[in-house]
Amino acid sequence: MRSCSSMHRSFLTSPVDVITEDPVPDFPTAKLLADQKAMELAEAPMLLGWYDSRRGRFSPDVECCSEEKPGWIVYAESRGGHITIDINNEQFVFIYCDVTDV
């Protein structure tokens, strides 16, 4: 089985809202910022996937199902993820859906 591709901005097909923070936040702070932004963009946002470049971690931890994109992005987009929050140029990426759209 092929391994997942690494994260790159070109993989993010959903509209992307970019947040730049200085200093770069830790994961809990980045998630809080993303949650707040998602609340501005959706009536009832639900987090479907995330990526933390500092720790090299992502969720959900799924096997790749595409040769073009990491599995966590494919998972989130296939479940309605259309709100993408990018913090500090892909240091942290969060993908949400709006449960009122489902």
N, C-alpha and C. Protein backbone atom coordinates (compact mmCIF):
# COMPACT_ATOMS: atom_id res chain seq x y z
N MET A 1 0.85 -1.18 0.00
CA MET A 1 0.00 0.00 0.00
C MET A 1 0.89 1.24 0.00
N ARG A 2 0.50 2.23 -0.74
CA ARG A 2 1.26 3.47 -0.80
C ARG A 2 1.01 4.28 0.47
N SER A 3 2.01 5.01 0.87
CA SER A 3 1.84 5.86 2.05
C SER A 3 1.16 7.17 1.64
N CYS A 4 0.60 7.83 2.62
CA CYS A 4 -0.11 9.10 2.36
C CYS A 4 0.86 10.18 1.92
N SER A 5 0.37 11.07 1.07
CA SER A 5 1.16 12.23 0.68
C SER A 5 1.25 13.17 1.88
N SER A 6 2.29 13.95 1.91
CA SER A 6 2.40 14.94 2.97
C SER A 6 1.44 16.09 2.67
N MET A 7 1.21 16.93 3.67
CA MET A 7 0.26 18.03 3.55
C MET A 7 0.80 19.12 2.63
N HIS A 8 -0.08 19.63 1.77
CA HIS A 8 0.27 20.75 0.89
C HIS A 8 -1.00 21.55 0.63
N ARG A 9 -0.89 22.86 0.55
CA ARG A 9 -2.05 23.73 0.36
C ARG A 9 -2.90 23.33 -0.85
N SER A 10 -2.28 22.82 -1.88
CA SER A 10 -3.02 22.45 -3.09
C SER A 10 -4.02 21.32 -2.84
N PHE A 11 -3.86 20.58 -1.75
CA PHE A 11 -4.80 19.51 -1.41
C PHE A 11 -6.12 20.06 -0.89
N LEU A 12 -6.14 21.31 -0.45
CA LEU A 12 -7.32 21.89 0.18
C LEU A 12 -8.25 22.46 -0.88
N THR A 13 -9.25 21.67 -1.27
CA THR A 13 -10.15 22.07 -2.34
C THR A 13 -11.31 22.92 -1.85
N SER A 14 -11.58 22.87 -0.57
CA SER A 14 -12.67 23.68 -0.03
C SER A 14 -12.21 25.12 0.10
N PRO A 15 -13.16 26.05 0.17
CA PRO A 15 -12.77 27.43 0.45
C PRO A 15 -11.97 27.47 1.74
N VAL A 16 -10.89 28.20 1.74
CA VAL A 16 -9.98 28.23 2.88
C VAL A 16 -10.01 29.60 3.53
N ASP A 17 -10.21 29.59 4.85
CA ASP A 17 -10.07 30.81 5.63
C ASP A 17 -8.73 30.73 6.32
N VAL A 18 -7.89 31.74 6.10
CA VAL A 18 -6.54 31.73 6.64
C VAL A 18 -6.47 32.63 7.86
N ILE A 19 -5.88 32.10 8.91
CA ILE A 19 -5.64 32.86 10.12
C ILE A 19 -4.13 32.87 10.33
N THR A 20 -3.57 34.05 10.55
CA THR A 20 -2.14 34.16 10.84
C THR A 20 -1.99 34.63 12.27
N GLU A 21 -1.28 33.86 13.05
CA GLU A 21 -1.05 34.16 14.46
C GLU A 21 0.44 34.26 14.73
N ASP A 22 0.81 35.25 15.50
CA ASP A 22 2.19 35.40 15.93
C ASP A 22 2.17 35.72 17.41
N PRO A 23 2.76 34.93 18.25
CA PRO A 23 3.54 33.74 17.93
C PRO A 23 2.63 32.59 17.49
N VAL A 24 3.25 31.61 16.86
CA VAL A 24 2.52 30.44 16.40
C VAL A 24 1.91 29.75 17.62
N PRO A 25 0.62 29.48 17.58
CA PRO A 25 -0.02 28.86 18.75
C PRO A 25 0.30 27.37 18.86
N ASP A 26 0.02 26.83 20.05
CA ASP A 26 0.10 25.39 20.22
C ASP A 26 -1.22 24.80 19.69
N PHE A 27 -1.33 23.47 19.66
CA PHE A 27 -2.51 22.85 19.08
C PHE A 27 -3.81 23.27 19.77
N PRO A 28 -3.91 23.24 21.11
CA PRO A 28 -5.18 23.65 21.73
C PRO A 28 -5.60 25.08 21.39
N THR A 29 -4.63 25.99 21.31
CA THR A 29 -4.95 27.37 20.96
C THR A 29 -5.37 27.47 19.50
N ALA A 30 -4.68 26.74 18.63
CA ALA A 30 -5.03 26.75 17.21
C ALA A 30 -6.45 26.20 17.02
N LYS A 31 -6.79 25.13 17.73
CA LYS A 31 -8.13 24.55 17.61
C LYS A 31 -9.19 25.53 18.09
N LEU A 32 -8.91 26.22 19.19
CA LEU A 32 -9.85 27.23 19.68
C LEU A 32 -10.06 28.34 18.65
N LEU A 33 -8.99 28.81 18.03
CA LEU A 33 -9.11 29.84 16.98
C LEU A 33 -9.94 29.32 15.80
N ALA A 34 -9.67 28.08 15.39
CA ALA A 34 -10.40 27.49 14.27
C ALA A 34 -11.87 27.30 14.62
N ASP A 35 -12.14 26.83 15.83
CA ASP A 35 -13.54 26.64 16.27
C ASP A 35 -14.29 27.98 16.24
N GLN A 36 -13.64 29.03 16.73
CA GLN A 36 -14.28 30.35 16.74
C GLN A 36 -14.58 30.83 15.32
N LYS A 37 -13.62 30.64 14.41
CA LYS A 37 -13.83 31.06 13.02
C LYS A 37 -14.93 30.22 12.37
N ALA A 38 -14.94 28.93 12.63
CA ALA A 38 -15.98 28.06 12.07
C ALA A 38 -17.36 28.48 12.56
N MET A 39 -17.46 28.94 13.79
CA MET A 39 -18.74 29.41 14.33
C MET A 39 -19.23 30.66 13.60
N GLU A 40 -18.30 31.45 13.07
CA GLU A 40 -18.67 32.62 12.28
C GLU A 40 -19.19 32.22 10.90
N LEU A 41 -18.72 31.09 10.41
CA LEU A 41 -19.01 30.68 9.03
C LEU A 41 -20.14 29.66 8.91
N ALA A 42 -20.53 29.03 10.01
CA ALA A 42 -21.55 27.98 9.95
C ALA A 42 -22.46 28.07 11.17
N GLU A 43 -23.69 27.67 10.95
CA GLU A 43 -24.67 27.68 12.04
C GLU A 43 -24.32 26.64 13.11
N ALA A 44 -23.92 25.46 12.65
CA ALA A 44 -23.59 24.37 13.58
C ALA A 44 -22.39 23.59 13.05
N PRO A 45 -21.16 24.15 13.22
CA PRO A 45 -19.99 23.47 12.67
C PRO A 45 -19.62 22.21 13.46
N MET A 46 -19.15 21.20 12.71
CA MET A 46 -18.66 19.98 13.33
C MET A 46 -17.30 19.68 12.72
N LEU A 47 -16.30 19.51 13.58
CA LEU A 47 -14.95 19.22 13.13
C LEU A 47 -14.88 17.79 12.60
N LEU A 48 -14.39 17.65 11.37
CA LEU A 48 -14.28 16.33 10.74
C LEU A 48 -12.85 15.85 10.61
N GLY A 49 -11.89 16.76 10.56
CA GLY A 49 -10.50 16.36 10.41
C GLY A 49 -9.58 17.51 10.73
N TRP A 50 -8.38 17.17 11.16
CA TRP A 50 -7.38 18.20 11.45
C TRP A 50 -5.98 17.68 11.19
N TYR A 51 -5.05 18.65 11.06
CA TYR A 51 -3.65 18.36 10.81
C TYR A 51 -2.80 19.28 11.67
N ASP A 52 -1.77 18.72 12.30
CA ASP A 52 -0.84 19.47 13.14
C ASP A 52 0.56 19.20 12.60
N SER A 53 1.13 20.15 11.87
CA SER A 53 2.43 19.92 11.24
C SER A 53 3.55 19.83 12.26
N ARG A 54 3.43 20.54 13.36
CA ARG A 54 4.48 20.51 14.38
C ARG A 54 4.71 19.10 14.91
N ARG A 55 3.63 18.42 15.18
CA ARG A 55 3.73 17.06 15.74
C ARG A 55 3.65 15.99 14.67
N GLY A 56 3.38 16.41 13.41
CA GLY A 56 3.25 15.43 12.34
C GLY A 56 2.06 14.51 12.56
N ARG A 57 0.99 15.06 13.13
CA ARG A 57 -0.19 14.25 13.45
C ARG A 57 -1.41 14.78 12.71
N PHE A 58 -2.40 13.90 12.55
CA PHE A 58 -3.65 14.25 11.89
C PHE A 58 -4.74 13.35 12.44
N SER A 59 -5.96 13.78 12.20
CA SER A 59 -7.11 12.99 12.63
C SER A 59 -8.24 13.24 11.65
N PRO A 60 -9.00 12.22 11.30
CA PRO A 60 -8.89 10.87 11.83
C PRO A 60 -7.69 10.16 11.23
N ASP A 61 -7.21 9.18 11.98
CA ASP A 61 -6.06 8.38 11.57
C ASP A 61 -6.56 7.26 10.66
N VAL A 62 -6.79 7.62 9.39
CA VAL A 62 -7.35 6.66 8.43
C VAL A 62 -6.30 6.32 7.38
N GLU A 63 -6.43 5.12 6.83
CA GLU A 63 -5.56 4.71 5.74
C GLU A 63 -5.85 5.59 4.53
N CYS A 64 -4.88 5.75 3.71
CA CYS A 64 -5.06 6.54 2.49
C CYS A 64 -6.12 5.90 1.59
N CYS A 65 -6.94 6.73 1.04
CA CYS A 65 -7.93 6.23 0.08
C CYS A 65 -7.82 7.02 -1.22
N SER A 66 -6.72 7.74 -1.36
CA SER A 66 -6.47 8.52 -2.57
C SER A 66 -4.96 8.65 -2.74
N GLU A 67 -4.51 8.61 -3.95
CA GLU A 67 -3.09 8.83 -4.18
C GLU A 67 -2.78 10.32 -4.27
N GLU A 68 -3.81 11.15 -4.39
CA GLU A 68 -3.61 12.58 -4.56
C GLU A 68 -3.64 13.36 -3.25
N LYS A 69 -4.37 12.86 -2.25
CA LYS A 69 -4.56 13.60 -1.00
C LYS A 69 -4.38 12.68 0.20
N PRO A 70 -3.98 13.28 1.33
CA PRO A 70 -3.93 12.48 2.56
C PRO A 70 -5.33 11.98 2.94
N GLY A 71 -5.37 10.82 3.57
CA GLY A 71 -6.63 10.18 3.93
C GLY A 71 -7.53 11.02 4.82
N TRP A 72 -6.95 11.78 5.74
CA TRP A 72 -7.78 12.58 6.65
C TRP A 72 -8.55 13.65 5.89
N ILE A 73 -7.97 14.20 4.80
CA ILE A 73 -8.67 15.21 3.99
C ILE A 73 -9.78 14.53 3.20
N VAL A 74 -9.48 13.40 2.59
CA VAL A 74 -10.49 12.66 1.82
C VAL A 74 -11.66 12.30 2.74
N TYR A 75 -11.36 11.82 3.93
CA TYR A 75 -12.39 11.47 4.90
C TYR A 75 -13.29 12.67 5.20
N ALA A 76 -12.68 13.80 5.54
CA ALA A 76 -13.45 15.00 5.91
C ALA A 76 -14.29 15.51 4.74
N GLU A 77 -13.70 15.59 3.56
CA GLU A 77 -14.44 16.11 2.40
C GLU A 77 -15.56 15.17 1.99
N SER A 78 -15.35 13.87 2.10
CA SER A 78 -16.38 12.92 1.70
C SER A 78 -17.56 12.91 2.67
N ARG A 79 -17.39 13.53 3.82
CA ARG A 79 -18.47 13.62 4.80
C ARG A 79 -19.04 15.03 4.90
N GLY A 80 -18.80 15.82 3.87
CA GLY A 80 -19.40 17.15 3.81
C GLY A 80 -18.51 18.28 4.27
N GLY A 81 -17.26 17.99 4.56
CA GLY A 81 -16.35 19.05 5.01
C GLY A 81 -16.13 20.07 3.91
N HIS A 82 -16.60 21.28 4.14
CA HIS A 82 -16.45 22.33 3.14
C HIS A 82 -15.99 23.65 3.76
N ILE A 83 -15.68 23.61 5.04
CA ILE A 83 -15.14 24.80 5.72
C ILE A 83 -13.73 24.43 6.18
N THR A 84 -12.75 25.04 5.56
CA THR A 84 -11.36 24.73 5.88
C THR A 84 -10.71 25.95 6.51
N ILE A 85 -10.15 25.75 7.68
CA ILE A 85 -9.45 26.81 8.39
C ILE A 85 -7.96 26.46 8.40
N ASP A 86 -7.16 27.35 7.85
CA ASP A 86 -5.71 27.16 7.74
C ASP A 86 -5.05 28.18 8.67
N ILE A 87 -4.29 27.69 9.62
CA ILE A 87 -3.60 28.58 10.55
C ILE A 87 -2.10 28.54 10.27
N ASN A 88 -1.56 29.72 9.99
CA ASN A 88 -0.13 29.90 9.74
C ASN A 88 0.41 29.00 8.63
N ASN A 89 -0.22 29.11 7.47
CA ASN A 89 0.28 28.42 6.27
C ASN A 89 0.47 26.93 6.48
N GLU A 90 -0.62 26.28 6.81
CA GLU A 90 -0.69 24.82 6.99
C GLU A 90 0.05 24.29 8.20
N GLN A 91 0.39 25.16 9.16
CA GLN A 91 0.94 24.62 10.40
C GLN A 91 -0.16 23.84 11.13
N PHE A 92 -1.37 24.35 11.02
CA PHE A 92 -2.56 23.67 11.53
C PHE A 92 -3.66 23.83 10.50
N VAL A 93 -4.37 22.77 10.20
CA VAL A 93 -5.50 22.82 9.28
C VAL A 93 -6.66 22.08 9.93
N PHE A 94 -7.85 22.68 9.85
CA PHE A 94 -9.06 22.09 10.43
C PHE A 94 -10.15 22.12 9.36
N ILE A 95 -10.86 21.02 9.19
CA ILE A 95 -11.93 20.94 8.20
C ILE A 95 -13.24 20.62 8.94
N TYR A 96 -14.25 21.45 8.68
CA TYR A 96 -15.55 21.34 9.32
C TYR A 96 -16.65 21.16 8.29
N CYS A 97 -17.77 20.61 8.74
CA CYS A 97 -19.00 20.67 7.97
C CYS A 97 -19.99 21.47 8.80
N ASP A 98 -21.07 21.87 8.20
CA ASP A 98 -22.16 22.52 8.94
C ASP A 98 -23.25 21.46 9.02
N VAL A 99 -23.54 20.99 10.23
CA VAL A 99 -24.50 19.90 10.37
C VAL A 99 -25.91 20.30 9.94
N THR A 100 -26.18 21.59 9.80
CA THR A 100 -27.49 22.00 9.32
C THR A 100 -27.61 21.81 7.81
N ASP A 101 -26.47 21.61 7.11
CA ASP A 101 -26.47 21.37 5.68
C ASP A 101 -26.63 19.90 5.34
N VAL A 102 -26.42 19.03 6.29
CA VAL A 102 -26.40 17.58 6.03
C VAL A 102 -27.80 17.01 5.98
